[in-house]
Each structure stands twice: as C-alpha cells, then as structure tokens.
PDB file of all heavy atoms in Angstrom:
ATOM      1  N   LEU A   1       0.831  -1.211   0.000  1.00  0.00           N
ATOM      2  CA  LEU A   1       0.000   0.000   0.000  1.00  0.00           C
ATOM      3  C   LEU A   1       0.863   1.259   0.000  1.00  0.00           C
ATOM      4  O   LEU A   1       0.590   2.203  -0.742  1.00  0.00           O
ATOM      5  CB  LEU A   1      -0.918   0.015   1.227  1.00  0.00           C
ATOM      6  CG  LEU A   1      -2.000  -1.040   1.282  1.00  0.00           C
ATOM      7  CD1 LEU A   1      -2.701  -1.011   2.639  1.00  0.00           C
ATOM      8  CD2 LEU A   1      -3.015  -0.810   0.164  1.00  0.00           C
ATOM      9  N   ILE A   2       1.905   1.254   0.823  1.00  0.00           N
ATOM     10  CA  ILE A   2       2.711   2.471   0.877  1.00  0.00           C
ATOM     11  C   ILE A   2       3.603   2.631  -0.348  1.00  0.00           C
ATOM     12  O   ILE A   2       3.951   3.751  -0.699  1.00  0.00           O
ATOM     13  CB  ILE A   2       3.505   2.605   2.194  1.00  0.00           C
ATOM     14  CG1 ILE A   2       4.484   1.475   2.386  1.00  0.00           C
ATOM     15  CG2 ILE A   2       2.592   2.764   3.378  1.00  0.00           C
ATOM     16  CD1 ILE A   2       5.452   1.720   3.532  1.00  0.00           C
ATOM     17  N   LEU A   3       3.938   1.532  -1.006  1.00  0.00           N
ATOM     18  CA  LEU A   3       4.657   1.667  -2.282  1.00  0.00           C
ATOM     19  C   LEU A   3       3.780   2.365  -3.306  1.00  0.00           C
ATOM     20  O   LEU A   3       4.249   3.212  -4.073  1.00  0.00           O
ATOM     21  CB  LEU A   3       5.117   0.303  -2.788  1.00  0.00           C
ATOM     22  CG  LEU A   3       6.295  -0.313  -2.037  1.00  0.00           C
ATOM     23  CD1 LEU A   3       6.491  -1.770  -2.464  1.00  0.00           C
ATOM     24  CD2 LEU A   3       7.550   0.500  -2.253  1.00  0.00           C
ATOM     25  N   GLY A   4       2.501   2.030  -3.319  1.00  0.00           N
ATOM     26  CA  GLY A   4       1.563   2.720  -4.206  1.00  0.00           C
ATOM     27  C   GLY A   4       1.418   4.186  -3.835  1.00  0.00           C
ATOM     28  O   GLY A   4       1.376   5.064  -4.706  1.00  0.00           O
ATOM     29  N   ALA A   5       1.368   4.468  -2.529  1.00  0.00           N
ATOM     30  CA  ALA A   5       1.279   5.857  -2.068  1.00  0.00           C
ATOM     31  C   ALA A   5       2.530   6.635  -2.439  1.00  0.00           C
ATOM     32  O   ALA A   5       2.450   7.798  -2.850  1.00  0.00           O
ATOM     33  CB  ALA A   5       1.065   5.887  -0.554  1.00  0.00           C
ATOM     34  N   GLN A   6       3.685   5.991  -2.329  1.00  0.00           N
ATOM     35  CA  GLN A   6       4.938   6.644  -2.705  1.00  0.00           C
ATOM     36  C   GLN A   6       4.905   7.052  -4.180  1.00  0.00           C
ATOM     37  O   GLN A   6       5.318   8.155  -4.535  1.00  0.00           O
ATOM     38  CB  GLN A   6       6.122   5.721  -2.434  1.00  0.00           C
ATOM     39  CG  GLN A   6       7.455   6.328  -2.838  1.00  0.00           C
ATOM     40  CD  GLN A   6       8.584   5.316  -2.843  1.00  0.00           C
ATOM     41  OE1 GLN A   6       8.396   4.161  -3.227  1.00  0.00           O
ATOM     42  NE2 GLN A   6       9.742   5.741  -2.403  1.00  0.00           N
ATOM     43  N   GLN A   7       4.404   6.178  -5.036  1.00  0.00           N
ATOM     44  CA  GLN A   7       4.327   6.490  -6.460  1.00  0.00           C
ATOM     45  C   GLN A   7       3.387   7.659  -6.726  1.00  0.00           C
ATOM     46  O   GLN A   7       3.694   8.555  -7.506  1.00  0.00           O
ATOM     47  CB  GLN A   7       3.883   5.271  -7.266  1.00  0.00           C
ATOM     48  CG  GLN A   7       3.846   5.518  -8.758  1.00  0.00           C
ATOM     49  CD  GLN A   7       5.192   5.946  -9.316  1.00  0.00           C
ATOM     50  OE1 GLN A   7       6.179   5.243  -9.149  1.00  0.00           O
ATOM     51  NE2 GLN A   7       5.247   7.099  -9.968  1.00  0.00           N
ATOM     52  N   ARG A   8       2.246   7.662  -6.053  1.00  0.00           N
ATOM     53  CA  ARG A   8       1.293   8.767  -6.230  1.00  0.00           C
ATOM     54  C   ARG A   8       1.882  10.090  -5.745  1.00  0.00           C
ATOM     55  O   ARG A   8       1.681  11.133  -6.363  1.00  0.00           O
ATOM     56  CB  ARG A   8      -0.018   8.463  -5.523  1.00  0.00           C
ATOM     57  CG  ARG A   8      -0.757   7.297  -6.196  1.00  0.00           C
ATOM     58  CD  ARG A   8      -2.090   7.056  -5.607  1.00  0.00           C
ATOM     59  NE  ARG A   8      -3.003   8.090  -6.108  1.00  0.00           N
ATOM     60  CZ  ARG A   8      -4.286   8.098  -5.854  1.00  0.00           C
ATOM     61  NH1 ARG A   8      -4.827   7.144  -5.143  1.00  0.00           N
ATOM     62  NH2 ARG A   8      -5.051   9.050  -6.324  1.00  0.00           N
ATOM     63  N   LEU A   9       2.612  10.034  -4.630  1.00  0.00           N
ATOM     64  CA  LEU A   9       3.267  11.244  -4.140  1.00  0.00           C
ATOM     65  C   LEU A   9       4.344  11.712  -5.120  1.00  0.00           C
ATOM     66  O   LEU A   9       4.466  12.908  -5.394  1.00  0.00           O
ATOM     67  CB  LEU A   9       3.884  10.994  -2.762  1.00  0.00           C
ATOM     68  CG  LEU A   9       2.887  10.852  -1.611  1.00  0.00           C
ATOM     69  CD1 LEU A   9       3.569  10.272  -0.380  1.00  0.00           C
ATOM     70  CD2 LEU A   9       2.237  12.189  -1.294  1.00  0.00           C
ATOM     71  N   ALA A  10       5.126  10.769  -5.649  1.00  0.00           N
ATOM     72  CA  ALA A  10       6.165  11.112  -6.621  1.00  0.00           C
ATOM     73  C   ALA A  10       5.550  11.772  -7.852  1.00  0.00           C
ATOM     74  O   ALA A  10       6.120  12.730  -8.397  1.00  0.00           O
ATOM     75  CB  ALA A  10       6.957   9.866  -7.013  1.00  0.00           C
ATOM     76  N   ASP A  11       4.395  11.286  -8.288  1.00  0.00           N
ATOM     77  CA  ASP A  11       3.707  11.878  -9.439  1.00  0.00           C
ATOM     78  C   ASP A  11       3.331  13.334  -9.174  1.00  0.00           C
ATOM     79  O   ASP A  11       3.173  14.118 -10.111  1.00  0.00           O
ATOM     80  CB  ASP A  11       2.443  11.082  -9.786  1.00  0.00           C
ATOM     81  CG  ASP A  11       2.751   9.699 -10.336  1.00  0.00           C
ATOM     82  OD1 ASP A  11       3.913   9.431 -10.721  1.00  0.00           O
ATOM     83  OD2 ASP A  11       1.813   8.861 -10.358  1.00  0.00           O
ATOM     84  N   GLN A  12       3.196  13.683  -7.880  1.00  0.00           N
ATOM     85  CA  GLN A  12       2.851  15.057  -7.489  1.00  0.00           C
ATOM     86  C   GLN A  12       4.088  15.849  -7.070  1.00  0.00           C
ATOM     87  O   GLN A  12       3.976  16.959  -6.546  1.00  0.00           O
ATOM     88  CB  GLN A  12       1.831  15.034  -6.355  1.00  0.00           C
ATOM     89  CG  GLN A  12       0.520  14.401  -6.743  1.00  0.00           C
ATOM     90  CD  GLN A  12      -0.419  14.288  -5.556  1.00  0.00           C
ATOM     91  OE1 GLN A  12      -0.324  15.017  -4.581  1.00  0.00           O
ATOM     92  NE2 GLN A  12      -1.360  13.359  -5.645  1.00  0.00           N
ATOM     93  N   GLY A  13       5.275  15.264  -7.279  1.00  0.00           N
ATOM     94  CA  GLY A  13       6.513  15.954  -6.950  1.00  0.00           C
ATOM     95  C   GLY A  13       6.920  15.887  -5.490  1.00  0.00           C
ATOM     96  O   GLY A  13       7.758  16.668  -5.040  1.00  0.00           O
ATOM     97  N   VAL A  14       6.330  14.963  -4.736  1.00  0.00           N
ATOM     98  CA  VAL A  14       6.651  14.822  -3.316  1.00  0.00           C
ATOM     99  C   VAL A  14       7.550  13.598  -3.128  1.00  0.00           C
ATOM    100  O   VAL A  14       7.172  12.482  -3.480  1.00  0.00           O
ATOM    101  CB  VAL A  14       5.369  14.658  -2.459  1.00  0.00           C
ATOM    102  CG1 VAL A  14       5.715  14.446  -0.999  1.00  0.00           C
ATOM    103  CG2 VAL A  14       4.454  15.858  -2.642  1.00  0.00           C
ATOM    104  N   ALA A  15       8.729  13.832  -2.571  1.00  0.00           N
ATOM    105  CA  ALA A  15       9.657  12.726  -2.309  1.00  0.00           C
ATOM    106  C   ALA A  15       9.260  12.012  -1.020  1.00  0.00           C
ATOM    107  O   ALA A  15       8.947  12.661  -0.021  1.00  0.00           O
ATOM    108  CB  ALA A  15      11.079  13.258  -2.187  1.00  0.00           C
ATOM    109  N   ALA A  16       9.266  10.691  -1.069  1.00  0.00           N
ATOM    110  CA  ALA A  16       8.931   9.892   0.118  1.00  0.00           C
ATOM    111  C   ALA A  16       9.792   8.638   0.122  1.00  0.00           C
ATOM    112  O   ALA A  16      10.021   8.033  -0.915  1.00  0.00           O
ATOM    113  CB  ALA A  16       7.451   9.520   0.114  1.00  0.00           C
ATOM    114  N   ARG A  17      10.229   8.277   1.298  1.00  0.00           N
ATOM    115  CA  ARG A  17      11.016   7.057   1.492  1.00  0.00           C
ATOM    116  C   ARG A  17      10.111   6.000   2.123  1.00  0.00           C
ATOM    117  O   ARG A  17       9.409   6.265   3.084  1.00  0.00           O
ATOM    118  CB  ARG A  17      12.182   7.329   2.431  1.00  0.00           C
ATOM    119  CG  ARG A  17      13.005   6.075   2.733  1.00  0.00           C
ATOM    120  CD  ARG A  17      13.967   6.264   3.883  1.00  0.00           C
ATOM    121  NE  ARG A  17      14.991   7.224   3.554  1.00  0.00           N
ATOM    122  CZ  ARG A  17      15.976   7.559   4.393  1.00  0.00           C
ATOM    123  NH1 ARG A  17      16.053   7.014   5.584  1.00  0.00           N
ATOM    124  NH2 ARG A  17      16.872   8.438   4.027  1.00  0.00           N
ATOM    125  N   VAL A  18      10.160   4.798   1.571  1.00  0.00           N
ATOM    126  CA  VAL A  18       9.393   3.676   2.112  1.00  0.00           C
ATOM    127  C   VAL A  18      10.294   2.867   3.035  1.00  0.00           C
ATOM    128  O   VAL A  18      11.421   2.514   2.668  1.00  0.00           O
ATOM    129  CB  VAL A  18       8.836   2.775   0.989  1.00  0.00           C
ATOM    130  CG1 VAL A  18       8.265   1.488   1.551  1.00  0.00           C
ATOM    131  CG2 VAL A  18       7.776   3.526   0.199  1.00  0.00           C
ATOM    132  N   ILE A  19       9.799   2.591   4.223  1.00  0.00           N
ATOM    133  CA  ILE A  19      10.529   1.790   5.196  1.00  0.00           C
ATOM    134  C   ILE A  19       9.676   0.599   5.588  1.00  0.00           C
ATOM    135  O   ILE A  19       8.557   0.759   6.067  1.00  0.00           O
ATOM    136  CB  ILE A  19      10.877   2.620   6.447  1.00  0.00           C
ATOM    137  CG1 ILE A  19      11.825   3.756   6.059  1.00  0.00           C
ATOM    138  CG2 ILE A  19      11.507   1.752   7.530  1.00  0.00           C
ATOM    139  CD1 ILE A  19      11.471   5.049   6.645  1.00  0.00           C
ATOM    140  N   SER A  20      10.211  -0.587   5.354  1.00  0.00           N
ATOM    141  CA  SER A  20       9.559  -1.818   5.804  1.00  0.00           C
ATOM    142  C   SER A  20      10.127  -2.143   7.175  1.00  0.00           C
ATOM    143  O   SER A  20      11.333  -2.328   7.329  1.00  0.00           O
ATOM    144  CB  SER A  20       9.851  -2.954   4.824  1.00  0.00           C
ATOM    145  OG  SER A  20       9.333  -4.170   5.344  1.00  0.00           O
ATOM    146  N   MET A  21       9.258  -2.187   8.186  1.00  0.00           N
ATOM    147  CA  MET A  21       9.704  -2.452   9.547  1.00  0.00           C
ATOM    148  C   MET A  21       8.931  -3.670  10.073  1.00  0.00           C
ATOM    149  O   MET A  21       7.916  -3.533  10.748  1.00  0.00           O
ATOM    150  CB  MET A  21       9.476  -1.242  10.444  1.00  0.00           C
ATOM    151  CG  MET A  21      10.123  -1.393  11.811  1.00  0.00           C
ATOM    152  SD  MET A  21       9.880   0.018  12.908  1.00  0.00           S
ATOM    153  CE  MET A  21      10.695   1.329  12.046  1.00  0.00           C
ATOM    154  N   PRO A  22       9.414  -4.869   9.750  1.00  0.00           N
ATOM    155  CA  PRO A  22       8.697  -6.075  10.161  1.00  0.00           C
ATOM    156  C   PRO A  22       8.777  -6.369  11.657  1.00  0.00           C
ATOM    157  O   PRO A  22       7.958  -7.126  12.167  1.00  0.00           O
ATOM    158  CB  PRO A  22       9.359  -7.179   9.348  1.00  0.00           C
ATOM    159  CG  PRO A  22      10.702  -6.658   8.998  1.00  0.00           C
ATOM    160  CD  PRO A  22      10.555  -5.165   8.901  1.00  0.00           C
ATOM    161  N   SER A  23       9.747  -5.770  12.361  1.00  0.00           N
ATOM    162  CA  SER A  23       9.872  -6.045  13.798  1.00  0.00           C
ATOM    163  C   SER A  23      10.353  -4.804  14.531  1.00  0.00           C
ATOM    164  O   SER A  23      11.486  -4.365  14.340  1.00  0.00           O
ATOM    165  CB  SER A  23      10.866  -7.187  14.041  1.00  0.00           C
ATOM    166  OG  SER A  23      11.149  -7.306  15.429  1.00  0.00           O
ATOM    167  N   TRP A  24       9.492  -4.263  15.388  1.00  0.00           N
ATOM    168  CA  TRP A  24       9.899  -3.124  16.212  1.00  0.00           C
ATOM    169  C   TRP A  24      11.022  -3.534  17.150  1.00  0.00           C
ATOM    170  O   TRP A  24      11.958  -2.775  17.365  1.00  0.00           O
ATOM    171  CB  TRP A  24       8.739  -2.616  17.054  1.00  0.00           C
ATOM    172  CG  TRP A  24       7.573  -2.100  16.296  1.00  0.00           C
ATOM    173  CD1 TRP A  24       7.566  -1.562  15.042  1.00  0.00           C
ATOM    174  CD2 TRP A  24       6.238  -2.063  16.748  1.00  0.00           C
ATOM    175  NE1 TRP A  24       6.291  -1.192  14.695  1.00  0.00           N
ATOM    176  CE2 TRP A  24       5.448  -1.486  15.735  1.00  0.00           C
ATOM    177  CE3 TRP A  24       5.606  -2.457  17.921  1.00  0.00           C
ATOM    178  CZ2 TRP A  24       4.092  -1.289  15.853  1.00  0.00           C
ATOM    179  CZ3 TRP A  24       4.241  -2.262  18.043  1.00  0.00           C
ATOM    180  CH2 TRP A  24       3.494  -1.687  17.017  1.00  0.00           C
TER     181      TRP A  24
END
C-alpha cells in the first residue's frame, strides 16, 4: 500500500522514502 502511495506522491513531486519495519 505504501509503495503505491509513494508512487502517487512522486507523481505530485513529493519525495517519500518507504521503510519496511517487520519487527519493532
């Protein structure tokens, strides 16, 4: 889901980093 959100943000010129955190 957040990979899709990252792409949509990038399309709007917003840089975003995706972090997968499987274990706190």
